Every structure is written in structure tokens, then in C-alpha cells.
Protein backbone atom coordinates (compact mmCIF):
# COMPACT_ATOMS: atom_id res chain seq x y z
CA MET A 1 93.22 109.84 -90.94
CA ASP A 2 96.41 108.12 -92.06
CA THR A 3 99.35 110.23 -90.85
CA THR A 4 101.80 108.81 -93.35
CA GLU A 5 104.94 110.68 -94.30
CA GLN A 6 104.10 110.23 -97.94
CA GLY A 7 101.61 112.04 -100.09
CA MET A 8 101.60 115.82 -100.11
CA ASP A 9 104.53 116.58 -102.36
CA ARG A 10 104.90 119.92 -104.10
CA ARG A 11 102.61 119.01 -106.99
CA ARG A 12 99.81 117.85 -104.66
CA VAL A 13 100.20 120.93 -102.47
CA LEU A 14 99.87 123.27 -105.41
CA ARG A 15 96.86 121.32 -106.64
CA LEU A 16 94.97 122.52 -103.54
CA MET A 17 94.60 125.82 -105.39
CA GLY A 18 92.17 124.08 -107.71
CA VAL A 19 89.92 122.31 -105.17
CA GLY A 20 88.20 125.28 -103.61
CA LEU A 21 90.78 127.18 -101.60
CA ALA A 22 91.92 130.68 -102.48
CA SER A 23 95.45 131.81 -101.63
CA SER A 24 95.93 133.13 -98.10
CA ALA A 25 99.15 134.96 -98.95
CA MET A 26 97.50 138.38 -98.66
CA ALA A 27 96.17 137.80 -95.14
CA PRO A 28 98.63 136.35 -92.63
CA TRP A 29 96.47 134.42 -90.16
CA LEU A 30 99.18 132.90 -87.99
CA VAL A 31 99.07 131.91 -84.34
CA ALA A 32 100.53 130.34 -81.20
CA CYS A 33 99.68 128.92 -77.76
CA SER A 34 100.74 128.63 -74.14
CA SER A 35 104.14 127.91 -72.62
CA ASP A 36 105.18 126.96 -69.13
CA ASP A 37 106.14 129.85 -66.90
CA GLY A 38 109.81 130.14 -66.05
CA ASP A 39 112.60 132.53 -65.37
CA PRO A 40 113.23 134.76 -68.37
CA SER A 41 116.71 134.39 -69.80
CA ALA A 42 118.40 136.92 -71.96
CA GLY A 43 115.78 137.20 -74.68
CA GLY A 44 116.68 138.48 -78.18
CA GLY A 45 117.64 142.08 -78.90
CA THR A 46 117.09 144.70 -76.23
CA THR A 47 116.56 147.82 -78.30
CA THR A 48 112.96 148.96 -77.97
CA SER A 49 111.30 150.57 -80.95
CA THR A 50 107.92 150.91 -82.57
CA ALA A 51 107.67 149.08 -85.90
CA PRO A 52 105.53 150.88 -88.44
CA ALA A 53 102.20 149.19 -89.01
CA SER A 54 101.25 149.09 -92.66
CA THR A 55 97.74 150.26 -93.42
CA THR A 56 95.53 150.31 -96.45
CA THR A 57 93.93 153.65 -95.52
CA THR A 58 95.23 157.22 -95.69
CA THR A 59 94.32 157.89 -92.05
CA PRO A 60 95.04 154.98 -89.70
CA PRO A 61 91.79 153.80 -88.08
CA GLY A 62 91.35 154.65 -84.42
CA PRO A 63 89.97 152.61 -81.54
CA VAL A 64 87.05 150.24 -82.11
CA GLY A 65 85.49 151.52 -78.90
CA PRO A 66 85.18 150.35 -75.27
CA LEU A 67 83.94 146.87 -74.45
CA GLY A 68 80.29 146.54 -73.46
CA GLU A 69 78.63 144.37 -70.84
CA PRO A 70 78.85 140.56 -71.24
CA ASP A 71 76.48 139.21 -73.87
CA ALA A 72 74.57 135.91 -73.79
CA ASN A 73 77.75 134.07 -74.78
CA GLY A 74 79.81 135.55 -71.95
CA LEU A 75 81.74 137.88 -74.24
CA ARG A 76 82.33 141.60 -73.89
CA VAL A 77 82.52 143.21 -77.33
CA PRO A 78 82.45 146.84 -78.57
CA ASP A 79 79.26 148.54 -79.70
CA GLY A 80 78.23 147.33 -83.15
CA PHE A 81 79.81 143.87 -82.73
CA THR A 82 78.04 140.54 -82.16
CA SER A 83 79.18 137.07 -81.13
CA ARG A 84 78.20 133.44 -81.47
CA VAL A 85 79.51 130.09 -80.25
CA ILE A 86 80.78 127.96 -83.14
CA ALA A 87 81.74 124.81 -81.23
CA THR A 88 82.16 123.43 -77.70
CA SER A 89 84.62 120.68 -76.75
CA GLY A 90 82.93 117.31 -76.38
CA GLU A 91 79.75 118.46 -78.12
CA VAL A 92 78.54 117.97 -81.67
CA VAL A 93 79.07 121.04 -83.87
CA GLU A 94 75.62 122.33 -84.80
CA GLY A 95 74.62 121.39 -88.33
CA THR A 96 77.13 118.52 -88.48
CA GLY A 97 77.65 115.12 -86.90
CA TYR A 98 81.17 115.94 -85.69
CA THR A 99 82.18 116.22 -82.03
CA TRP A 100 84.55 119.16 -81.41
CA HIS A 101 87.97 118.37 -79.98
CA GLY A 102 89.29 119.26 -76.53
CA ASN A 103 91.76 122.03 -75.74
CA PRO A 104 91.30 124.00 -78.98
CA ASP A 105 94.43 125.99 -79.74
CA GLY A 106 96.13 127.47 -82.83
CA GLY A 107 93.97 128.18 -85.86
CA ALA A 108 93.74 129.82 -89.27
CA THR A 109 91.15 130.55 -91.96
CA TYR A 110 91.06 129.75 -95.66
CA ALA A 111 88.80 131.04 -98.43
CA ALA A 112 86.78 128.26 -100.04
CA ALA A 113 84.78 127.80 -103.22
CA GLY A 114 81.44 129.57 -103.50
CA GLY A 115 82.38 132.44 -101.20
CA GLY A 116 82.66 130.31 -98.06
CA TRP A 117 85.64 129.71 -95.84
CA ILE A 118 87.24 127.16 -93.49
CA TYR A 119 88.56 127.61 -89.95
CA VAL A 120 91.08 125.01 -88.76
CA SER A 121 91.83 124.44 -85.07
CA ASN A 122 94.54 122.45 -83.32
CA SER A 123 93.90 120.24 -80.30
CA GLU A 124 96.47 120.59 -77.52
CA GLU A 125 95.46 117.23 -76.06
CA LEU A 126 98.11 114.82 -74.78
CA ASP A 127 98.34 111.71 -77.01
CA THR A 128 95.15 112.62 -78.92
CA GLY A 129 95.99 116.00 -80.39
CA GLY A 130 95.48 116.56 -84.09
CA VAL A 131 93.50 119.17 -86.02
CA SER A 132 89.82 119.74 -86.82
CA MET A 133 88.15 121.98 -89.36
CA VAL A 134 84.78 123.72 -89.59
CA ARG A 135 83.50 124.96 -92.95
CA PHE A 136 81.14 127.88 -93.53
CA ASP A 137 79.10 128.76 -96.59
CA ALA A 138 79.00 132.27 -98.06
CA ASP A 139 76.53 133.58 -95.48
CA GLY A 140 78.44 132.13 -92.52
CA THR A 141 76.31 129.03 -91.90
CA VAL A 142 78.27 126.03 -90.62
CA VAL A 143 77.99 123.27 -93.22
CA GLU A 144 80.71 120.79 -92.24
CA ALA A 145 83.12 119.85 -89.48
CA ALA A 146 85.70 117.08 -89.61
CA ARG A 147 89.08 115.80 -88.45
CA ILE A 148 92.01 116.58 -90.78
CA LEU A 149 94.92 115.29 -88.62
CA ASP A 150 94.90 112.50 -86.06
CA GLY A 151 97.38 110.45 -84.05
CA THR A 152 99.67 113.34 -83.06
CA ASP A 153 100.57 114.83 -79.69
CA VAL A 154 99.88 118.22 -78.06
CA ASN A 155 99.20 120.17 -81.25
CA CYS A 156 99.65 123.71 -80.02
CA ALA A 157 100.04 126.34 -82.72
CA GLY A 158 101.39 126.41 -86.26
CA GLY A 159 100.81 128.61 -89.27
CA ALA A 160 99.06 128.99 -92.59
CA THR A 161 101.05 128.85 -95.84
CA PRO A 162 100.57 130.97 -98.98
CA TRP A 163 99.83 127.71 -100.84
CA ASP A 164 96.84 127.08 -98.56
CA THR A 165 98.01 124.37 -96.22
CA TRP A 166 98.09 124.34 -92.43
CA LEU A 167 101.34 123.62 -90.57
CA SER A 168 100.42 122.05 -87.23
CA CYS A 169 103.09 121.99 -84.51
CA GLU A 170 103.58 119.44 -81.73
CA GLU A 171 104.57 121.09 -78.45
CA VAL A 172 106.67 118.25 -77.00
CA PRO A 173 110.47 117.90 -76.80
CA ASP A 174 110.51 115.55 -79.81
CA GLY A 175 107.73 117.47 -81.54
CA ARG A 176 107.36 117.64 -85.29
CA VAL A 177 105.50 119.78 -87.82
CA TRP A 178 102.68 118.31 -89.91
CA GLU A 179 101.46 119.81 -93.18
CA CYS A 180 97.68 119.47 -93.54
CA ASP A 181 95.06 120.07 -96.21
CA PRO A 182 92.37 122.28 -94.56
CA THR A 183 89.66 120.50 -96.54
CA GLY A 184 90.78 117.06 -95.39
CA GLY A 185 90.96 115.92 -99.01
CA GLU A 186 94.69 115.12 -98.86
CA ASP A 187 96.49 113.06 -96.21
CA PRO A 188 98.65 115.09 -93.79
CA VAL A 189 102.42 114.81 -94.16
CA VAL A 190 105.10 115.08 -91.48
CA ARG A 191 107.92 117.54 -92.27
CA PRO A 192 111.05 116.25 -90.45
CA ALA A 193 113.33 118.84 -92.08
CA LEU A 194 111.69 121.52 -89.90
CA GLY A 195 113.34 119.93 -86.86
CA ARG A 196 112.34 118.05 -83.73
CA PHE A 197 111.86 120.33 -80.74
CA LYS A 198 109.08 121.84 -78.64
CA HIS A 199 107.42 123.53 -81.61
CA GLU A 200 105.10 126.46 -81.07
CA ALA A 201 104.28 128.45 -84.20
CA VAL A 202 105.32 128.98 -87.83
CA ALA A 203 105.26 132.08 -90.03
CA VAL A 204 105.98 132.10 -93.75
CA ASP A 205 107.82 134.93 -95.51
CA PRO A 206 106.89 134.35 -99.17
CA ALA A 207 109.16 137.09 -100.52
CA ALA A 208 112.28 135.76 -98.79
CA GLU A 209 111.07 132.16 -99.34
CA VAL A 210 111.75 131.13 -95.73
CA LEU A 211 109.79 129.96 -92.71
CA TYR A 212 110.28 131.12 -89.12
CA LEU A 213 109.57 128.81 -86.17
CA SER A 214 109.26 129.56 -82.45
CA GLU A 215 110.07 127.28 -79.54
CA ASP A 216 108.09 126.91 -76.32
CA GLU A 217 110.97 126.84 -73.83
CA PRO A 218 112.06 129.41 -71.19
CA ASP A 219 115.37 129.58 -73.08
CA GLY A 220 113.99 128.83 -76.53
CA ALA A 221 115.49 129.73 -79.87
CA LEU A 222 114.04 131.39 -82.96
CA TYR A 223 114.49 129.28 -86.09
CA ARG A 224 114.58 129.91 -89.83
CA PHE A 225 113.95 127.17 -92.37
CA THR A 226 115.05 127.63 -95.98
CA PRO A 227 113.60 124.99 -98.35
CA ASP A 228 115.88 123.51 -100.98
CA SER A 229 113.08 123.97 -103.53
CA TRP A 230 110.40 126.54 -102.72
CA PRO A 231 107.73 125.81 -101.58
CA ASP A 232 108.48 122.10 -101.05
CA LEU A 233 109.16 121.50 -97.32
CA THR A 234 110.65 118.04 -97.79
CA ALA A 235 114.26 119.23 -97.49
CA GLY A 236 116.11 122.39 -96.56
CA THR A 237 118.33 124.12 -94.01
CA LEU A 238 117.29 124.79 -90.41
CA ALA A 239 119.11 127.65 -88.67
CA VAL A 240 118.86 129.54 -85.36
CA LEU A 241 119.23 133.24 -84.65
CA ALA A 242 122.60 133.70 -83.00
CA GLY A 243 125.23 136.26 -82.10
CA PRO A 244 125.36 139.34 -79.83
CA GLU A 245 123.14 142.36 -80.41
CA GLY A 246 124.32 144.27 -83.45
CA GLU A 247 126.02 141.16 -84.86
CA ARG A 248 123.08 138.83 -85.33
CA ARG A 249 123.36 135.98 -87.86
CA TRP A 250 121.57 132.80 -88.85
CA ALA A 251 123.64 129.79 -87.79
CA ASP A 252 122.88 126.34 -89.22
CA VAL A 253 121.65 123.65 -86.83
CA THR A 254 123.91 120.62 -87.21
CA ASP A 255 121.34 118.03 -86.10
CA PRO A 256 117.75 119.19 -86.81
CA ASP A 257 116.43 115.77 -85.71
CA GLY A 258 118.13 116.08 -82.32
CA GLY A 259 114.98 116.15 -80.21
CA ALA A 260 115.26 115.72 -76.44
CA ALA A 261 118.61 113.88 -76.74
CA ASN A 262 120.38 116.73 -78.52
CA PRO A 263 118.25 119.90 -78.21
CA THR A 264 118.42 122.07 -81.30
CA ARG A 265 118.43 125.23 -79.18
CA ASN A 266 121.76 124.21 -77.63
CA GLN A 267 123.64 123.20 -80.78
CA VAL A 268 124.93 126.73 -81.48
CA GLU A 269 127.00 128.26 -78.70
CA ASP A 270 125.83 131.88 -78.96
CA VAL A 271 122.16 131.26 -79.83
CA VAL A 272 119.81 134.15 -78.97
CA ARG A 273 117.49 133.08 -76.13
CA PHE A 274 113.81 134.00 -76.00
CA ALA A 275 111.78 133.73 -72.80
CA GLY A 276 109.06 131.35 -73.94
CA GLY A 277 108.60 131.73 -77.69
CA GLU A 278 104.92 131.82 -78.62
CA GLY A 279 103.04 133.31 -81.58
CA LEU A 280 104.44 134.22 -84.99
CA ALA A 281 102.86 136.27 -87.76
CA HIS A 282 104.30 137.77 -90.94
CA PHE A 283 103.21 140.98 -92.67
CA GLU A 284 104.92 142.77 -95.57
CA GLY A 285 108.52 141.97 -94.71
CA THR A 286 108.22 141.95 -90.92
CA THR A 287 107.73 138.87 -88.77
CA TYR A 288 106.23 139.33 -85.31
CA LEU A 289 107.11 137.05 -82.38
CA THR A 290 105.50 136.98 -78.94
CA THR A 291 107.22 135.80 -75.75
CA LYS A 292 104.91 135.08 -72.83
CA ILE A 293 107.30 134.91 -69.88
CA ASP A 294 108.48 138.51 -70.33
CA ASN A 295 105.24 139.77 -71.97
CA ARG A 296 106.85 141.13 -75.13
CA VAL A 297 106.09 141.40 -78.83
CA TRP A 298 109.12 141.45 -81.11
CA ALA A 299 109.61 142.49 -84.73
CA LEU A 300 112.10 140.57 -86.86
CA ASP A 301 113.54 142.14 -90.01
CA GLY A 302 116.12 139.87 -91.58
CA GLN A 303 118.30 139.05 -88.61
CA ASP A 304 117.54 142.21 -86.62
CA VAL A 305 115.01 141.90 -83.80
CA THR A 306 113.47 144.73 -81.75
CA VAL A 307 110.79 145.02 -79.09
CA VAL A 308 107.54 146.64 -80.25
CA TYR A 309 105.51 145.96 -77.08
CA ASP A 310 106.71 145.39 -73.53
CA ALA A 311 104.17 145.16 -70.71
CA ALA A 312 106.84 146.23 -68.21
CA THR A 313 107.25 149.64 -69.87
CA GLN A 314 103.55 150.52 -70.14
CA GLU A 315 102.22 153.40 -68.06
CA GLY A 316 99.91 152.25 -65.26
CA GLU A 317 98.30 148.82 -65.40
CA PRO A 318 99.18 147.27 -68.80
CA VAL A 319 96.24 146.39 -71.04
CA LEU A 320 98.02 143.38 -72.50
CA THR A 321 99.59 140.67 -70.33
CA GLY A 322 99.97 136.93 -70.75
CA VAL A 323 101.19 137.64 -74.29
CA ASP A 324 100.58 134.59 -76.47
CA ASN A 325 98.85 133.94 -79.82
CA ILE A 326 99.14 136.62 -82.49
CA THR A 327 97.56 137.36 -85.86
CA VAL A 328 97.84 140.36 -88.17
CA ASP A 329 94.93 141.87 -90.12
CA ALA A 330 94.97 143.06 -93.72
CA GLY A 331 96.14 146.54 -92.67
CA GLY A 332 99.01 145.41 -90.45
CA ASP A 333 97.36 145.77 -87.03
CA ARG A 334 98.46 143.03 -84.64
CA TYR A 335 95.93 141.15 -82.52
CA VAL A 336 97.38 139.36 -79.50
CA ALA A 337 95.54 136.78 -77.40
CA GLU A 338 96.09 136.53 -73.66
CA ASP A 339 97.05 133.35 -71.83
CA GLY A 340 95.44 134.34 -68.56
CA GLY A 341 95.68 138.11 -68.21
CA ASP A 342 92.13 139.44 -68.60
CA MET A 343 91.18 136.73 -71.14
CA GLN A 344 91.18 139.29 -73.94
CA VAL A 345 92.22 139.66 -77.56
CA VAL A 346 94.12 142.95 -77.67
CA ARG A 347 94.75 145.08 -80.75
CA LEU A 348 98.13 146.76 -81.21
CA GLY A 349 97.23 149.43 -83.75
CA PRO A 350 98.84 152.56 -85.16
CA ASP A 351 100.63 155.20 -83.09
CA GLY A 352 101.04 152.91 -80.07
CA LEU A 353 97.34 152.12 -79.75
CA VAL A 354 96.70 149.22 -77.34
CA GLU A 355 93.04 148.25 -76.90
CA PRO A 356 91.01 145.13 -76.09
CA VAL A 357 88.56 144.09 -78.82
CA VAL A 358 86.90 141.16 -77.01
CA GLN A 359 86.97 139.64 -73.54
CA VAL A 360 85.76 136.28 -72.24
CA VAL A 361 84.26 136.52 -68.75
CA GLY A 362 83.13 133.95 -66.19
CA VAL A 363 85.66 131.31 -67.21
CA GLU A 364 88.36 130.21 -64.77
CA GLY A 365 91.67 128.53 -65.58
CA SER A 366 91.60 129.10 -69.33
CA GLU A 367 93.36 131.11 -72.01
CA ILE A 368 92.52 132.66 -75.37
CA THR A 369 93.83 130.76 -78.41
CA GLY A 370 93.69 130.58 -82.20
CA PRO A 371 92.74 134.14 -83.29
CA ALA A 372 92.17 134.36 -87.04
CA PHE A 373 90.12 136.64 -89.29
CA SER A 374 87.71 135.47 -91.97
CA PRO A 375 88.99 136.21 -95.49
CA ASP A 376 87.03 139.49 -95.64
CA GLY A 377 88.29 140.60 -92.22
CA THR A 378 84.83 141.09 -90.70
CA ARG A 379 84.77 138.00 -88.46
CA LEU A 380 87.30 137.11 -85.79
CA TYR A 381 87.57 133.47 -84.69
CA PHE A 382 89.23 132.35 -81.45
CA SER A 383 88.80 129.86 -78.62
CA SER A 384 88.73 129.74 -74.85
CA GLN A 385 90.79 126.62 -74.40
CA ARG A 386 89.35 125.10 -71.23
CA SER A 387 86.44 125.14 -68.75
CA PRO A 388 85.03 124.13 -71.25
CA GLY A 389 86.88 124.49 -74.54
CA ARG A 390 84.79 126.76 -76.74
CA THR A 391 85.34 128.33 -80.17
CA TYR A 392 83.76 131.72 -80.90
CA GLU A 393 83.09 134.10 -83.75
CA VAL A 394 82.90 137.88 -83.29
CA THR A 395 81.47 139.87 -86.20
CA GLY A 396 81.60 143.62 -86.68
CA PRO A 397 83.28 146.68 -88.17
CA PHE A 398 86.91 145.71 -87.58
CA PRO A 399 89.22 148.51 -88.80
CA HIS A 400 90.45 146.70 -91.91
CA GLY A 401 87.48 144.48 -92.64
CA GLN A 402 85.95 144.73 -96.11
CA PRO A 403 82.42 143.32 -96.05
CA GLY A 404 81.24 141.96 -99.39
């Protein structure tokens, strides 16, 4: 795939609406990946609160139930749920001629023509990163797999856009963001205006017409990008969250292309530090950020940031540790993947509910990556990144799924 900087301008991006993809604006499938451990610095705001989780039901749904014994795929799932392996690194995806990439990481889903859908997955490989896609027909059969971005480096996480593109982030000091067509029909385009730094994830707030970006550093910043012409990402203003608690503001970055020579996180004197910025997900006015080093989930509203989950404050042994990738379902429940921990995807539901919904067992030295729901919310996709890399699907009565 030609990774030229030319091609996907605003007109071509919007034209994706007419080639089989349905808008993903109503279902924020956004993700992240791992960061190096380090000493936590003074991360964002320190006021702990519980952000209300929006729900489409009158009575918030309760737990999905305890996890059962490991199934044939090495997954523990609740009663009524099933699993299957979609792809394994280094092996041909069944039903296609495509060999799945190594170190699968951030991912997202997109509705496609005919009732099918697409799952995209980053490759966090050094020098040979990029992005692959797998396409399903209406009954969930895999019908295609292909490369949609090549020639990039350590593609960790990213985010889906409401105009149905995938923003893939390079997790290196001079890392960039690439905008990709999930179908592979359009060439990917680099987006320099989003800055050069150790990119982790992206979340789009369509109402405010801004993007938020996290940084995989022990003293990372939280960024906001405001396009000059929504939703064209060619040009705009990159800013960092700055200021003391109670006086937060968005301060412009003077040199977004600074990279390793002039780190963007150090260009504003009173930047707010986050201890290993990881996943981002947006839902109805609130953007959620995870930080792995201090095991926290944050809620951002404008420029105000509060803690909505902190492993250190949980009673007894915390259910969720190794806080990393995050996605939000159609009702506002947050699903957080563990980097290490118990190799689980954990649901943060209403009224402080914290429960595992799936666990990978028998795999050493790996992490859970790329959680994303199918468009109808009944299938959860994710990967175990290593030993070997493997991408899974779990199907069942998720609280806000709406089977057709």
C-alpha cells in the first residue's frame, strides 16, 4: 500500500459513506495499547468522582454473570456466551489468503454494505507495523482479510472517526497519525497536524468538533486537536491540557512537529502530566482516558478531568489492574482491557459495577488489546497480543446489544 501524504482529502473521506460503510458516530469503538512501566508523576486532576453512565434502558442492566470454565479457545466467558478465534499471527485467516499480522493491537469496527461489518487491527511491530482488516458478511462469516496500511512503525492504538475512517497511531517518539480507509479502497494519508510524539489513542468528539489524543509516556500529556475545517484533519491547532487543578485550560503547542528533538509534552510549562496515557473513548459529551502506570480511568468534560476508577481505592483485591485499552458500548458502559493483570476485559457499568466479561487463560507474557463491539453490540472483538498473537470474537447477550 502506498503511504503517500496525498489522497484522502475531505471530499474523498466523505465519499466513504457511499462505498459500503455506515456511520460509526453512534457507537464509539475507540482503543489503546501498552506503555512502559515507570514512576507515576503528578497525573491530571485528583478529585475522585463517579461519572454517570448513560443508558438506553429505564433500569440499568446488572452483571452479565460469573465467568465459566475455559472453553476450547482458552477463554472464560459468562453463561450464554460463546467464543471463536478469528485470526492468529503468522497464519492465514480462514476463508481468505491473507496472513494475519504480528502483535495485534488497537482496533475498531465499521458497518458495511449488506449487513456485514469490518474489524480493523493495528500491528505493534517494530519497522513493519501497519493495519489489517477482516470483513464479515451479515451472518458473521469471514469473507475477506487484507492490509490497509503498510510501511509504518509500532502502530499501537488509534480511534474510529464519525466519517468512518481509522486513525492509526505510531507509538514512537517521532510517531505520527495515519488516516485509513477500513475497506482498503483509498490510500492511507499521514496527518502531520496531529503532532509528532509517542502517540497512543485518539477519540473524536463530534459535537465539539475536536479530537483528543493520548501519549504513551510516564509523564505524558493529554492533547486536543481542533481542525481548521471540520472534519478535514489536514490543518488545525494542537493543544495540551495545562494549569493547576481548578484552573485547567487548553494551551497551544508551539511546535507540533517537535518529535524527539523538542517533545510536545514539554513545550508548555504547566502541562498536566498523566502516568502513561493509554486508551481513549468518547460517549455523549464525556471522553474517557486510561492511565496504566497508576491504574486509573479518567473522565474529561471540557477541560475538567476527574477519576472514575482507581485500582488503589478498591476494597480488597481489585478486579481491574493493568488498565489499558478502553471502548464504550451503546449504553455508555466502559469496557477496559488489561495489560497483564488477569488478562481480562472488565466492564465498568452502572452504580460502580466492576466485573470481568471475558478472560484469556494459559497465555504467558501477553496483554489484551483492541476491544471493539460489532455494530449491533452482540459481538466483542479483541486480541491477545503475543504468545501467539490471536484475535477473538465473543458473542452473547451483552447488556446493550441489540441483535437483529
